[in-house]
Amino acid sequence: MALMLPAAGAFAEGGDADSGQRIFNQCRACHTIEAGGRNGVGPNLNGIYNRAAGQRENFRYSANLREQAAAGLTWNDATLTRYLTNPKDVLPQGAMSFPGLRQPQQVADVIAFLQRSSTPQ
C-alpha cells in the first residue's frame, strides 16, 4: 500500500518558523525545546529534526515508539507531517494525547520551527 506524502521539504519550505513557535506554545504543557532543557510528560524536542526517534536520554518512551525507532523511524519532513497531522497514524499505540493539527499551513509552520530549533546534539 503506497502512502502519498509531499516531497521532502515541501512543508518546511513553505513554513513560517515564527508562526510555528506560536503554535508550538500549545505543546509546551508537555514538551520543552530549549537546548539542554528538561524532559516533561513528553521528551525535550530540541534537535528532533532529522533525528532518529526515541533518542532523548532519560525519557521513558512508549513501547510503540521504541518499536518504530528500532524499525528506523526518523523525524523528517514526511514523518513529522504525518505525526503532526495524526499522531496515531504513525504511532497507533503511542501515549501522546494530542489529536493533531488540521491545517496544513500550521503543520508546515511547526516543522519550520522544529527545524530552526534543532541544534547539534
PDB file of N, CA and C in Angstrom:
ATOM      1  N   MET A   1       0.844  -1.171   0.000  1.00  0.00           N
ATOM      2  CA  MET A   1       0.000   0.000   0.000  1.00  0.00           C
ATOM      3  C   MET A   1       0.887   1.231   0.000  1.00  0.00           C
ATOM      4  N   ALA A   2       0.742   2.083  -0.962  1.00  0.00           N
ATOM      5  CA  ALA A   2       1.558   3.294  -1.070  1.00  0.00           C
ATOM      6  C   ALA A   2       0.880   4.428  -0.325  1.00  0.00           C
ATOM      7  N   LEU A   3       1.667   5.218   0.359  1.00  0.00           N
ATOM      8  CA  LEU A   3       1.174   6.385   1.063  1.00  0.00           C
ATOM      9  C   LEU A   3       1.694   7.607   0.349  1.00  0.00           C
ATOM     10  N   MET A   4       0.811   8.464  -0.094  1.00  0.00           N
ATOM     11  CA  MET A   4       1.219   9.663  -0.821  1.00  0.00           C
ATOM     12  C   MET A   4       1.533  10.765   0.184  1.00  0.00           C
ATOM     13  N   LEU A   5       2.750  11.244   0.145  1.00  0.00           N
ATOM     14  CA  LEU A   5       3.185  12.326   1.015  1.00  0.00           C
ATOM     15  C   LEU A   5       3.825  13.404   0.167  1.00  0.00           C
ATOM     16  N   PRO A   6       3.820  14.652   0.647  1.00  0.00           N
ATOM     17  CA  PRO A   6       4.502  15.698  -0.089  1.00  0.00           C
ATOM     18  C   PRO A   6       5.986  15.381  -0.194  1.00  0.00           C
ATOM     19  N   ALA A   7       6.619  15.940  -1.185  1.00  0.00           N
ATOM     20  CA  ALA A   7       8.063  15.762  -1.340  1.00  0.00           C
ATOM     21  C   ALA A   7       8.769  16.259  -0.092  1.00  0.00           C
ATOM     22  N   ALA A   8       9.880  15.620   0.233  1.00  0.00           N
ATOM     23  CA  ALA A   8      10.655  16.033   1.409  1.00  0.00           C
ATOM     24  C   ALA A   8      10.962  17.505   1.316  1.00  0.00           C
ATOM     25  N   GLY A   9      10.722  18.225   2.383  1.00  0.00           N
ATOM     26  CA  GLY A   9      10.990  19.646   2.413  1.00  0.00           C
ATOM     27  C   GLY A   9       9.811  20.490   1.977  1.00  0.00           C
ATOM     28  N   ALA A  10       8.783  19.881   1.384  1.00  0.00           N
ATOM     29  CA  ALA A  10       7.669  20.664   0.868  1.00  0.00           C
ATOM     30  C   ALA A  10       6.979  21.463   1.965  1.00  0.00           C
ATOM     31  N   PHE A  11       6.759  20.855   3.115  1.00  0.00           N
ATOM     32  CA  PHE A  11       6.093  21.583   4.182  1.00  0.00           C
ATOM     33  C   PHE A  11       7.023  22.588   4.846  1.00  0.00           C
ATOM     34  N   ALA A  12       8.213  22.167   5.204  1.00  0.00           N
ATOM     35  CA  ALA A  12       9.126  23.063   5.904  1.00  0.00           C
ATOM     36  C   ALA A  12       9.489  24.265   5.048  1.00  0.00           C
ATOM     37  N   GLU A  13       9.638  24.066   3.739  1.00  0.00           N
ATOM     38  CA  GLU A  13       9.991  25.177   2.864  1.00  0.00           C
ATOM     39  C   GLU A  13       8.917  26.247   2.863  1.00  0.00           C
ATOM     40  N   GLY A  14       7.649  25.855   2.995  1.00  0.00           N
ATOM     41  CA  GLY A  14       6.558  26.814   2.994  1.00  0.00           C
ATOM     42  C   GLY A  14       6.160  27.255   4.379  1.00  0.00           C
ATOM     43  N   GLY A  15       6.889  26.794   5.378  1.00  0.00           N
ATOM     44  CA  GLY A  15       6.529  27.097   6.756  1.00  0.00           C
ATOM     45  C   GLY A  15       7.159  28.372   7.264  1.00  0.00           C
ATOM     46  N   ASP A  16       6.506  28.970   8.231  1.00  0.00           N
ATOM     47  CA  ASP A  16       6.975  30.181   8.899  1.00  0.00           C
ATOM     48  C   ASP A  16       7.343  29.789  10.329  1.00  0.00           C
ATOM     49  N   ALA A  17       8.630  29.788  10.627  1.00  0.00           N
ATOM     50  CA  ALA A  17       9.102  29.333  11.940  1.00  0.00           C
ATOM     51  C   ALA A  17       8.553  30.183  13.081  1.00  0.00           C
ATOM     52  N   ASP A  18       8.375  31.486  12.855  1.00  0.00           N
ATOM     53  CA  ASP A  18       7.826  32.334  13.919  1.00  0.00           C
ATOM     54  C   ASP A  18       6.379  31.954  14.230  1.00  0.00           C
ATOM     55  N   SER A  19       5.593  31.696  13.192  1.00  0.00           N
ATOM     56  CA  SER A  19       4.221  31.222  13.410  1.00  0.00           C
ATOM     57  C   SER A  19       4.250  29.851  14.075  1.00  0.00           C
ATOM     58  N   GLY A  20       5.183  29.006  13.638  1.00  0.00           N
ATOM     59  CA  GLY A  20       5.323  27.683  14.237  1.00  0.00           C
ATOM     60  C   GLY A  20       5.644  27.752  15.717  1.00  0.00           C
ATOM     61  N   GLN A  21       6.437  28.733  16.102  1.00  0.00           N
ATOM     62  CA  GLN A  21       6.760  28.898  17.520  1.00  0.00           C
ATOM     63  C   GLN A  21       5.499  29.221  18.317  1.00  0.00           C
ATOM     64  N   ARG A  22       4.643  30.078  17.774  1.00  0.00           N
ATOM     65  CA  ARG A  22       3.391  30.404  18.463  1.00  0.00           C
ATOM     66  C   ARG A  22       2.487  29.168  18.559  1.00  0.00           C
ATOM     67  N   ILE A  23       2.414  28.402  17.493  1.00  0.00           N
ATOM     68  CA  ILE A  23       1.595  27.183  17.507  1.00  0.00           C
ATOM     69  C   ILE A  23       2.174  26.177  18.500  1.00  0.00           C
ATOM     70  N   PHE A  24       3.506  26.090  18.544  1.00  0.00           N
ATOM     71  CA  PHE A  24       4.178  25.153  19.451  1.00  0.00           C
ATOM     72  C   PHE A  24       3.873  25.460  20.917  1.00  0.00           C
ATOM     73  N   ASN A  25       3.471  26.675  21.237  1.00  0.00           N
ATOM     74  CA  ASN A  25       3.172  27.007  22.630  1.00  0.00           C
ATOM     75  C   ASN A  25       2.149  26.059  23.239  1.00  0.00           C
ATOM     76  N   GLN A  26       1.237  25.514  22.421  1.00  0.00           N
ATOM     77  CA  GLN A  26       0.268  24.555  22.960  1.00  0.00           C
ATOM     78  C   GLN A  26       0.931  23.219  23.316  1.00  0.00           C
ATOM     79  N   CYS A  27       2.126  22.980  22.799  1.00  0.00           N
ATOM     80  CA  CYS A  27       2.864  21.744  23.085  1.00  0.00           C
ATOM     81  C   CYS A  27       3.675  21.858  24.375  1.00  0.00           C
ATOM     82  N   ARG A  28       3.882  23.091  24.836  1.00  0.00           N
ATOM     83  CA  ARG A  28       4.761  23.333  25.981  1.00  0.00           C
ATOM     84  C   ARG A  28       4.234  22.766  27.297  1.00  0.00           C
ATOM     85  N   ALA A  29       2.970  22.405  27.340  1.00  0.00           N
ATOM     86  CA  ALA A  29       2.452  21.775  28.558  1.00  0.00           C
ATOM     87  C   ALA A  29       3.168  20.449  28.821  1.00  0.00           C
ATOM     88  N   CYS A  30       3.647  19.816  27.741  1.00  0.00           N
ATOM     89  CA  CYS A  30       4.296  18.503  27.877  1.00  0.00           C
ATOM     90  C   CYS A  30       5.742  18.471  27.391  1.00  0.00           C
ATOM     91  N   HIS A  31       6.120  19.389  26.500  1.00  0.00           N
ATOM     92  CA  HIS A  31       7.446  19.363  25.872  1.00  0.00           C
ATOM     93  C   HIS A  31       8.214  20.661  26.105  1.00  0.00           C
ATOM     94  N   THR A  32       9.528  20.544  26.231  1.00  0.00           N
ATOM     95  CA  THR A  32      10.417  21.699  26.156  1.00  0.00           C
ATOM     96  C   THR A  32      11.158  21.582  24.834  1.00  0.00           C
ATOM     97  N   ILE A  33      11.807  22.660  24.424  1.00  0.00           N
ATOM     98  CA  ILE A  33      12.541  22.616  23.159  1.00  0.00           C
ATOM     99  C   ILE A  33      13.902  23.291  23.270  1.00  0.00           C
ATOM    100  N   GLU A  34      14.219  23.824  24.415  1.00  0.00           N
ATOM    101  CA  GLU A  34      15.486  24.512  24.608  1.00  0.00           C
ATOM    102  C   GLU A  34      16.634  23.510  24.689  1.00  0.00           C
ATOM    103  N   ALA A  35      17.775  23.872  24.146  1.00  0.00           N
ATOM    104  CA  ALA A  35      18.969  23.021  24.237  1.00  0.00           C
ATOM    105  C   ALA A  35      19.257  22.762  25.715  1.00  0.00           C
ATOM    106  N   GLY A  36      19.412  21.512  26.077  1.00  0.00           N
ATOM    107  CA  GLY A  36      19.684  21.153  27.466  1.00  0.00           C
ATOM    108  C   GLY A  36      18.462  21.195  28.361  1.00  0.00           C
ATOM    109  N   GLY A  37      17.283  21.478  27.785  1.00  0.00           N
ATOM    110  CA  GLY A  37      16.054  21.559  28.572  1.00  0.00           C
ATOM    111  C   GLY A  37      15.639  20.206  29.120  1.00  0.00           C
ATOM    112  N   ARG A  38      14.802  20.244  30.096  1.00  0.00           N
ATOM    113  CA  ARG A  38      14.342  19.029  30.773  1.00  0.00           C
ATOM    114  C   ARG A  38      13.313  18.297  29.920  1.00  0.00           C
ATOM    115  N   ASN A  39      13.148  17.038  30.205  1.00  0.00           N
ATOM    116  CA  ASN A  39      12.021  16.280  29.679  1.00  0.00           C
ATOM    117  C   ASN A  39      10.839  16.565  30.585  1.00  0.00           C
ATOM    118  N   GLY A  40       9.656  16.555  30.024  1.00  0.00           N
ATOM    119  CA  GLY A  40       8.438  16.704  30.808  1.00  0.00           C
ATOM    120  C   GLY A  40       7.629  15.430  30.666  1.00  0.00           C
ATOM    121  N   VAL A  41       6.337  15.588  30.547  1.00  0.00           N
ATOM    122  CA  VAL A  41       5.478  14.445  30.242  1.00  0.00           C
ATOM    123  C   VAL A  41       5.918  13.861  28.904  1.00  0.00           C
ATOM    124  N   GLY A  42       6.326  14.744  27.989  1.00  0.00           N
ATOM    125  CA  GLY A  42       6.912  14.342  26.711  1.00  0.00           C
ATOM    126  C   GLY A  42       8.387  14.713  26.704  1.00  0.00           C
ATOM    127  N   PRO A  43       9.145  14.187  25.762  1.00  0.00           N
ATOM    128  CA  PRO A  43      10.585  14.480  25.729  1.00  0.00           C
ATOM    129  C   PRO A  43      10.886  15.899  25.267  1.00  0.00           C
ATOM    130  N   ASN A  44      12.058  16.394  25.632  1.00  0.00           N
ATOM    131  CA  ASN A  44      12.568  17.647  25.084  1.00  0.00           C
ATOM    132  C   ASN A  44      12.725  17.436  23.578  1.00  0.00           C
ATOM    133  N   LEU A  45      12.258  18.387  22.788  1.00  0.00           N
ATOM    134  CA  LEU A  45      12.263  18.231  21.334  1.00  0.00           C
ATOM    135  C   LEU A  45      13.383  18.993  20.641  1.00  0.00           C
ATOM    136  N   ASN A  46      14.314  19.550  21.400  1.00  0.00           N
ATOM    137  CA  ASN A  46      15.436  20.234  20.763  1.00  0.00           C
ATOM    138  C   ASN A  46      16.231  19.243  19.932  1.00  0.00           C
ATOM    139  N   GLY A  47      16.491  19.595  18.701  1.00  0.00           N
ATOM    140  CA  GLY A  47      17.286  18.745  17.830  1.00  0.00           C
ATOM    141  C   GLY A  47      16.527  17.585  17.219  1.00  0.00           C
ATOM    142  N   ILE A  48      15.205  17.595  17.293  1.00  0.00           N
ATOM    143  CA  ILE A  48      14.422  16.456  16.797  1.00  0.00           C
ATOM    144  C   ILE A  48      14.450  16.336  15.281  1.00  0.00           C
ATOM    145  N   TYR A  49      14.609  17.450  14.582  1.00  0.00           N
ATOM    146  CA  TYR A  49      14.514  17.421  13.116  1.00  0.00           C
ATOM    147  C   TYR A  49      15.644  16.581  12.515  1.00  0.00           C
ATOM    148  N   ASN A  50      15.281  15.603  11.712  1.00  0.00           N
ATOM    149  CA  ASN A  50      16.195  14.648  11.068  1.00  0.00           C
ATOM    150  C   ASN A  50      16.940  13.758  12.066  1.00  0.00           C
ATOM    151  N   ARG A  51      16.370  13.588  13.250  1.00  0.00           N
ATOM    152  CA  ARG A  51      16.963  12.711  14.268  1.00  0.00           C
ATOM    153  C   ARG A  51      16.169  11.404  14.328  1.00  0.00           C
ATOM    154  N   ALA A  52      16.864  10.332  14.585  1.00  0.00           N
ATOM    155  CA  ALA A  52      16.193   9.052  14.793  1.00  0.00           C
ATOM    156  C   ALA A  52      15.268   9.169  16.003  1.00  0.00           C
ATOM    157  N   ALA A  53      14.121   8.563  15.923  1.00  0.00           N
ATOM    158  CA  ALA A  53      13.142   8.616  17.012  1.00  0.00           C
ATOM    159  C   ALA A  53      13.662   7.895  18.250  1.00  0.00           C
ATOM    160  N   GLY A  54      13.192   8.359  19.406  1.00  0.00           N
ATOM    161  CA  GLY A  54      13.485   7.675  20.658  1.00  0.00           C
ATOM    162  C   GLY A  54      14.893   7.851  21.181  1.00  0.00           C
ATOM    163  N   GLN A  55      15.546   8.952  20.858  1.00  0.00           N
ATOM    164  CA  GLN A  55      16.953   9.131  21.217  1.00  0.00           C
ATOM    165  C   GLN A  55      17.207  10.047  22.411  1.00  0.00           C
ATOM    166  N   ARG A  56      16.190  10.702  22.939  1.00  0.00           N
ATOM    167  CA  ARG A  56      16.402  11.624  24.059  1.00  0.00           C
ATOM    168  C   ARG A  56      16.727  10.821  25.307  1.00  0.00           C
ATOM    169  N   GLU A  57      17.837  11.140  25.925  1.00  0.00           N
ATOM    170  CA  GLU A  57      18.255  10.430  27.139  1.00  0.00           C
ATOM    171  C   GLU A  57      17.309  10.733  28.291  1.00  0.00           C
ATOM    172  N   ASN A  58      17.211   9.778  29.177  1.00  0.00           N
ATOM    173  CA  ASN A  58      16.433   9.917  30.406  1.00  0.00           C
ATOM    174  C   ASN A  58      14.955  10.175  30.156  1.00  0.00           C
ATOM    175  N   PHE A  59      14.432   9.654  29.052  1.00  0.00           N
ATOM    176  CA  PHE A  59      12.997   9.725  28.814  1.00  0.00           C
ATOM    177  C   PHE A  59      12.484   8.317  28.555  1.00  0.00           C
ATOM    178  N   ARG A  60      11.370   7.994  29.169  1.00  0.00           N
ATOM    179  CA  ARG A  60      10.783   6.657  29.015  1.00  0.00           C
ATOM    180  C   ARG A  60       9.743   6.702  27.893  1.00  0.00           C
ATOM    181  N   TYR A  61      10.165   6.274  26.723  1.00  0.00           N
ATOM    182  CA  TYR A  61       9.291   6.259  25.551  1.00  0.00           C
ATOM    183  C   TYR A  61       8.312   5.095  25.624  1.00  0.00           C
ATOM    184  N   SER A  62       7.180   5.250  24.936  1.00  0.00           N
ATOM    185  CA  SER A  62       6.191   4.167  24.862  1.00  0.00           C
ATOM    186  C   SER A  62       6.790   2.976  24.112  1.00  0.00           C
ATOM    187  N   ALA A  63       6.250   1.807  24.372  1.00  0.00           N
ATOM    188  CA  ALA A  63       6.706   0.600  23.672  1.00  0.00           C
ATOM    189  C   ALA A  63       6.515   0.758  22.172  1.00  0.00           C
ATOM    190  N   ASN A  64       5.424   1.381  21.761  1.00  0.00           N
ATOM    191  CA  ASN A  64       5.147   1.582  20.340  1.00  0.00           C
ATOM    192  C   ASN A  64       6.219   2.454  19.691  1.00  0.00           C
ATOM    193  N   LEU A  65       6.630   3.526  20.356  1.00  0.00           N
ATOM    194  CA  LEU A  65       7.677   4.372  19.785  1.00  0.00           C
ATOM    195  C   LEU A  65       9.003   3.625  19.756  1.00  0.00           C
ATOM    196  N   ARG A  66       9.303   2.874  20.794  1.00  0.00           N
ATOM    197  CA  ARG A  66      10.551   2.104  20.797  1.00  0.00           C
ATOM    198  C   ARG A  66      10.580   1.107  19.644  1.00  0.00           C
ATOM    199  N   GLU A  67       9.443   0.475  19.364  1.00  0.00           N
ATOM    200  CA  GLU A  67       9.359  -0.462  18.235  1.00  0.00           C
ATOM    201  C   GLU A  67       9.604   0.256  16.911  1.00  0.00           C
ATOM    202  N   GLN A  68       8.961   1.402  16.730  1.00  0.00           N
ATOM    203  CA  GLN A  68       9.126   2.165  15.489  1.00  0.00           C
ATOM    204  C   GLN A  68      10.555   2.692  15.361  1.00  0.00           C
ATOM    205  N   ALA A  69      11.134   3.098  16.476  1.00  0.00           N
ATOM    206  CA  ALA A  69      12.522   3.575  16.453  1.00  0.00           C
ATOM    207  C   ALA A  69      13.455   2.444  16.024  1.00  0.00           C
ATOM    208  N   ALA A  70      13.233   1.249  16.545  1.00  0.00           N
ATOM    209  CA  ALA A  70      14.060   0.096  16.171  1.00  0.00           C
ATOM    210  C   ALA A  70      13.903  -0.236  14.694  1.00  0.00           C
ATOM    211  N   ALA A  71      12.744   0.104  14.127  1.00  0.00           N
ATOM    212  CA  ALA A  71      12.491  -0.141  12.705  1.00  0.00           C
ATOM    213  C   ALA A  71      13.030   0.987  11.827  1.00  0.00           C
ATOM    214  N   GLY A  72      13.624   2.032  12.455  1.00  0.00           N
ATOM    215  CA  GLY A  72      14.266   3.090  11.683  1.00  0.00           C
ATOM    216  C   GLY A  72      13.512   4.397  11.561  1.00  0.00           C
ATOM    217  N   LEU A  73      12.497   4.619  12.385  1.00  0.00           N
ATOM    218  CA  LEU A  73      11.746   5.873  12.322  1.00  0.00           C
ATOM    219  C   LEU A  73      12.667   7.060  12.568  1.00  0.00           C
ATOM    220  N   THR A  74      12.644   8.010  11.659  1.00  0.00           N
ATOM    221  CA  THR A  74      13.410   9.255  11.768  1.00  0.00           C
ATOM    222  C   THR A  74      12.437  10.415  11.616  1.00  0.00           C
ATOM    223  N   TRP A  75      12.628  11.465  12.399  1.00  0.00           N
ATOM    224  CA  TRP A  75      11.740  12.628  12.351  1.00  0.00           C
ATOM    225  C   TRP A  75      12.198  13.588  11.254  1.00  0.00           C
ATOM    226  N   ASN A  76      11.682  13.375  10.064  1.00  0.00           N
ATOM    227  CA  ASN A  76      11.982  14.244   8.919  1.00  0.00           C
ATOM    228  C   ASN A  76      10.679  14.900   8.462  1.00  0.00           C
ATOM    229  N   ASP A  77      10.719  15.615   7.338  1.00  0.00           N
ATOM    230  CA  ASP A  77       9.512  16.303   6.868  1.00  0.00           C
ATOM    231  C   ASP A  77       8.330  15.353   6.722  1.00  0.00           C
ATOM    232  N   ALA A  78       8.553  14.216   6.093  1.00  0.00           N
ATOM    233  CA  ALA A  78       7.450  13.288   5.824  1.00  0.00           C
ATOM    234  C   ALA A  78       6.865  12.716   7.108  1.00  0.00           C
ATOM    235  N   THR A  79       7.713  12.245   8.015  1.00  0.00           N
ATOM    236  CA  THR A  79       7.190  11.629   9.237  1.00  0.00           C
ATOM    237  C   THR A  79       6.614  12.674  10.187  1.00  0.00           C
ATOM    238  N   LEU A  80       7.241  13.845  10.266  1.00  0.00           N
ATOM    239  CA  LEU A  80       6.682  14.908  11.103  1.00  0.00           C
ATOM    240  C   LEU A  80       5.337  15.369  10.561  1.00  0.00           C
ATOM    241  N   THR A  81       5.210  15.453   9.246  1.00  0.00           N
ATOM    242  CA  THR A  81       3.933  15.841   8.645  1.00  0.00           C
ATOM    243  C   THR A  81       2.847  14.845   9.028  1.00  0.00           C
ATOM    244  N   ARG A  82       3.134  13.570   8.872  1.00  0.00           N
ATOM    245  CA  ARG A  82       2.159  12.537   9.243  1.00  0.00           C
ATOM    246  C   ARG A  82       1.836  12.599  10.734  1.00  0.00           C
ATOM    247  N   TYR A  83       2.878  12.737  11.561  1.00  0.00           N
ATOM    248  CA  TYR A  83       2.683  12.713  13.012  1.00  0.00           C
ATOM    249  C   TYR A  83       1.920  13.936  13.504  1.00  0.00           C
ATOM    250  N   LEU A  84       2.295  15.105  13.011  1.00  0.00           N
ATOM    251  CA  LEU A  84       1.625  16.325  13.464  1.00  0.00           C
ATOM    252  C   LEU A  84       0.188  16.408  12.965  1.00  0.00           C
ATOM    253  N   THR A  85      -0.102  15.747  11.859  1.00  0.00           N
ATOM    254  CA  THR A  85      -1.459  15.724  11.325  1.00  0.00           C
ATOM    255  C   THR A  85      -2.330  14.714  12.069  1.00  0.00           C
ATOM    256  N   ASN A  86      -1.760  13.554  12.371  1.00  0.00           N
ATOM    257  CA  ASN A  86      -2.498  12.497  13.064  1.00  0.00           C
ATOM    258  C   ASN A  86      -1.493  11.575  13.757  1.00  0.00           C
ATOM    259  N   PRO A  87      -1.148  11.867  15.006  1.00  0.00           N
ATOM    260  CA  PRO A  87      -0.135  11.065  15.700  1.00  0.00           C
ATOM    261  C   PRO A  87      -0.410   9.561  15.681  1.00  0.00           C
ATOM    262  N   LYS A  88      -1.654   9.171  15.747  1.00  0.00           N
ATOM    263  CA  LYS A  88      -1.996   7.743  15.777  1.00  0.00           C
ATOM    264  C   LYS A  88      -1.732   7.068  14.433  1.00  0.00           C
ATOM    265  N   ASP A  89      -1.564   7.844  13.368  1.00  0.00           N
ATOM    266  CA  ASP A  89      -1.215   7.280  12.068  1.00  0.00           C
ATOM    267  C   ASP A  89       0.213   6.738  12.087  1.00  0.00           C
ATOM    268  N   VAL A  90       1.078   7.377  12.855  1.00  0.00           N
ATOM    269  CA  VAL A  90       2.485   6.968  12.946  1.00  0.00           C
ATOM    270  C   VAL A  90       2.687   6.015  14.119  1.00  0.00           C
ATOM    271  N   LEU A  91       2.079   6.318  15.244  1.00  0.00           N
ATOM    272  CA  LEU A  91       2.220   5.505  16.461  1.00  0.00           C
ATOM    273  C   LEU A  91       0.829   5.133  16.975  1.00  0.00           C
ATOM    274  N   PRO A  92       0.226   4.086  16.424  1.00  0.00           N
ATOM    275  CA  PRO A  92      -1.146   3.727  16.793  1.00  0.00           C
ATOM    276  C   PRO A  92      -1.365   3.517  18.292  1.00  0.00           C
ATOM    277  N   GLN A  93      -0.362   3.008  18.994  1.00  0.00           N
ATOM    278  CA  GLN A  93      -0.492   2.815  20.437  1.00  0.00           C
ATOM    279  C   GLN A  93       0.365   3.809  21.215  1.00  0.00           C
ATOM    280  N   GLY A  94       0.690   4.925  20.603  1.00  0.00           N
ATOM    281  CA  GLY A  94       1.504   5.939  21.267  1.00  0.00           C
ATOM    282  C   GLY A  94       0.778   6.553  22.447  1.00  0.00           C
ATOM    283  N   ALA A  95       1.540   7.155  23.337  1.00  0.00           N
ATOM    284  CA  ALA A  95       0.985   7.694  24.571  1.00  0.00           C
ATOM    285  C   ALA A  95       0.519   9.143  24.447  1.00  0.00           C
ATOM    286  N   MET A  96       0.883   9.843  23.376  1.00  0.00           N
ATOM    287  CA  MET A  96       0.553  11.258  23.269  1.00  0.00           C
ATOM    288  C   MET A  96      -0.941  11.448  23.028  1.00  0.00           C
ATOM    289  N   SER A  97      -1.559  12.351  23.799  1.00  0.00           N
ATOM    290  CA  SER A  97      -2.998  12.576  23.688  1.00  0.00           C
ATOM    291  C   SER A  97      -3.354  13.622  22.635  1.00  0.00           C
ATOM    292  N   PHE A  98      -2.393  14.347  22.112  1.00  0.00           N
ATOM    293  CA  PHE A  98      -2.629  15.390  21.113  1.00  0.00           C
ATOM    294  C   PHE A  98      -3.283  14.784  19.870  1.00  0.00           C
ATOM    295  N   PRO A  99      -4.416  15.351  19.411  1.00  0.00           N
ATOM    296  CA  PRO A  99      -5.121  14.762  18.263  1.00  0.00           C
ATOM    297  C   PRO A  99      -4.541  15.123  16.901  1.00  0.00           C
ATOM    298  N   GLY A 100      -3.706  16.141  16.840  1.00  0.00           N
ATOM    299  CA  GLY A 100      -3.110  16.541  15.565  1.00  0.00           C
ATOM    300  C   GLY A 100      -3.567  17.913  15.113  1.00  0.00           C
ATOM    301  N   LEU A 101      -2.805  18.494  14.215  1.00  0.00           N
ATOM    302  CA  LEU A 101      -3.136  19.784  13.615  1.00  0.00           C
ATOM    303  C   LEU A 101      -3.917  19.525  12.335  1.00  0.00           C
ATOM    304  N   ARG A 102      -4.949  20.294  12.088  1.00  0.00           N
ATOM    305  CA  ARG A 102      -5.797  20.067  10.915  1.00  0.00           C
ATOM    306  C   ARG A 102      -5.437  20.957   9.732  1.00  0.00           C
ATOM    307  N   GLN A 103      -4.746  22.051   9.978  1.00  0.00           N
ATOM    308  CA  GLN A 103      -4.412  22.986   8.906  1.00  0.00           C
ATOM    309  C   GLN A 103      -3.011  22.695   8.377  1.00  0.00           C
ATOM    310  N   PRO A 104      -2.869  22.388   7.079  1.00  0.00           N
ATOM    311  CA  PRO A 104      -1.543  22.100   6.516  1.00  0.00           C
ATOM    312  C   PRO A 104      -0.526  23.214   6.760  1.00  0.00           C
ATOM    313  N   GLN A 105      -0.967  24.473   6.758  1.00  0.00           N
ATOM    314  CA  GLN A 105      -0.021  25.568   6.996  1.00  0.00           C
ATOM    315  C   GLN A 105       0.510  25.524   8.422  1.00  0.00           C
ATOM    316  N   GLN A 106      -0.336  25.168   9.380  1.00  0.00           N
ATOM    317  CA  GLN A 106       0.132  25.043  10.761  1.00  0.00           C
ATOM    318  C   GLN A 106       1.171  23.935  10.879  1.00  0.00           C
ATOM    319  N   VAL A 107       0.944  22.831  10.199  1.00  0.00           N
ATOM    320  CA  VAL A 107       1.910  21.726  10.198  1.00  0.00           C
ATOM    321  C   VAL A 107       3.236  22.216   9.628  1.00  0.00           C
ATOM    322  N   ALA A 108       3.175  22.907   8.493  1.00  0.00           N
ATOM    323  CA  ALA A 108       4.392  23.433   7.860  1.00  0.00           C
ATOM    324  C   ALA A 108       5.109  24.401   8.783  1.00  0.00           C
ATOM    325  N   ASP A 109       4.350  25.235   9.481  1.00  0.00           N
ATOM    326  CA  ASP A 109       4.946  26.222  10.382  1.00  0.00           C
ATOM    327  C   ASP A 109       5.634  25.547  11.567  1.00  0.00           C
ATOM    328  N   VAL A 110       5.003  24.550  12.154  1.00  0.00           N
ATOM    329  CA  VAL A 110       5.616  23.848  13.291  1.00  0.00           C
ATOM    330  C   VAL A 110       6.873  23.111  12.837  1.00  0.00           C
ATOM    331  N   ILE A 111       6.834  22.495  11.672  1.00  0.00           N
ATOM    332  CA  ILE A 111       8.031  21.812  11.163  1.00  0.00           C
ATOM    333  C   ILE A 111       9.154  22.817  10.943  1.00  0.00           C
ATOM    334  N   ALA A 112       8.835  23.984  10.392  1.00  0.00           N
ATOM    335  CA  ALA A 112       9.859  25.020  10.197  1.00  0.00           C
ATOM    336  C   ALA A 112      10.447  25.444  11.541  1.00  0.00           C
ATOM    337  N   PHE A 113       9.604  25.560  12.570  1.00  0.00           N
ATOM    338  CA  PHE A 113      10.087  25.913  13.905  1.00  0.00           C
ATOM    339  C   PHE A 113      10.971  24.810  14.482  1.00  0.00           C
ATOM    340  N   LEU A 114      10.546  23.560  14.355  1.00  0.00           N
ATOM    341  CA  LEU A 114      11.363  22.444  14.850  1.00  0.00           C
ATOM    342  C   LEU A 114      12.698  22.382  14.119  1.00  0.00           C
ATOM    343  N   GLN A 115      12.662  22.661  12.834  1.00  0.00           N
ATOM    344  CA  GLN A 115      13.890  22.667  12.033  1.00  0.00           C
ATOM    345  C   GLN A 115      14.824  23.772  12.524  1.00  0.00           C
ATOM    346  N   ARG A 116      14.276  24.960  12.731  1.00  0.00           N
ATOM    347  CA  ARG A 116      15.078  26.088  13.210  1.00  0.00           C
ATOM    348  C   ARG A 116      15.608  25.823  14.617  1.00  0.00           C
ATOM    349  N   SER A 117      14.835  25.148  15.422  1.00  0.00           N
ATOM    350  CA  SER A 117      15.210  24.902  16.819  1.00  0.00           C
ATOM    351  C   SER A 117      16.157  23.729  16.995  1.00  0.00           C
ATOM    352  N   SER A 118      16.426  23.020  15.924  1.00  0.00           N
ATOM    353  CA  SER A 118      17.323  21.870  16.027  1.00  0.00           C
ATOM    354  C   SER A 118      18.762  22.343  16.076  1.00  0.00           C
ATOM    355  N   THR A 119      19.441  21.915  17.124  1.00  0.00           N
ATOM    356  CA  THR A 119      20.850  22.264  17.282  1.00  0.00           C
ATOM    357  C   THR A 119      21.648  20.972  17.324  1.00  0.00           C
ATOM    358  N   PRO A 120      22.912  21.005  16.980  1.00  0.00           N
ATOM    359  CA  PRO A 120      23.722  19.779  17.043  1.00  0.00           C
ATOM    360  C   PRO A 120      23.681  19.184  18.442  1.00  0.00           C
ATOM    361  N   GLN A 121      23.547  17.884  18.488  1.00  0.00           N
ATOM    362  CA  GLN A 121      23.471  17.179  19.779  1.00  0.00           C
ATOM    363  C   GLN A 121      24.844  16.742  20.224  1.00  0.00           C
TER     364      GLN A 121
END
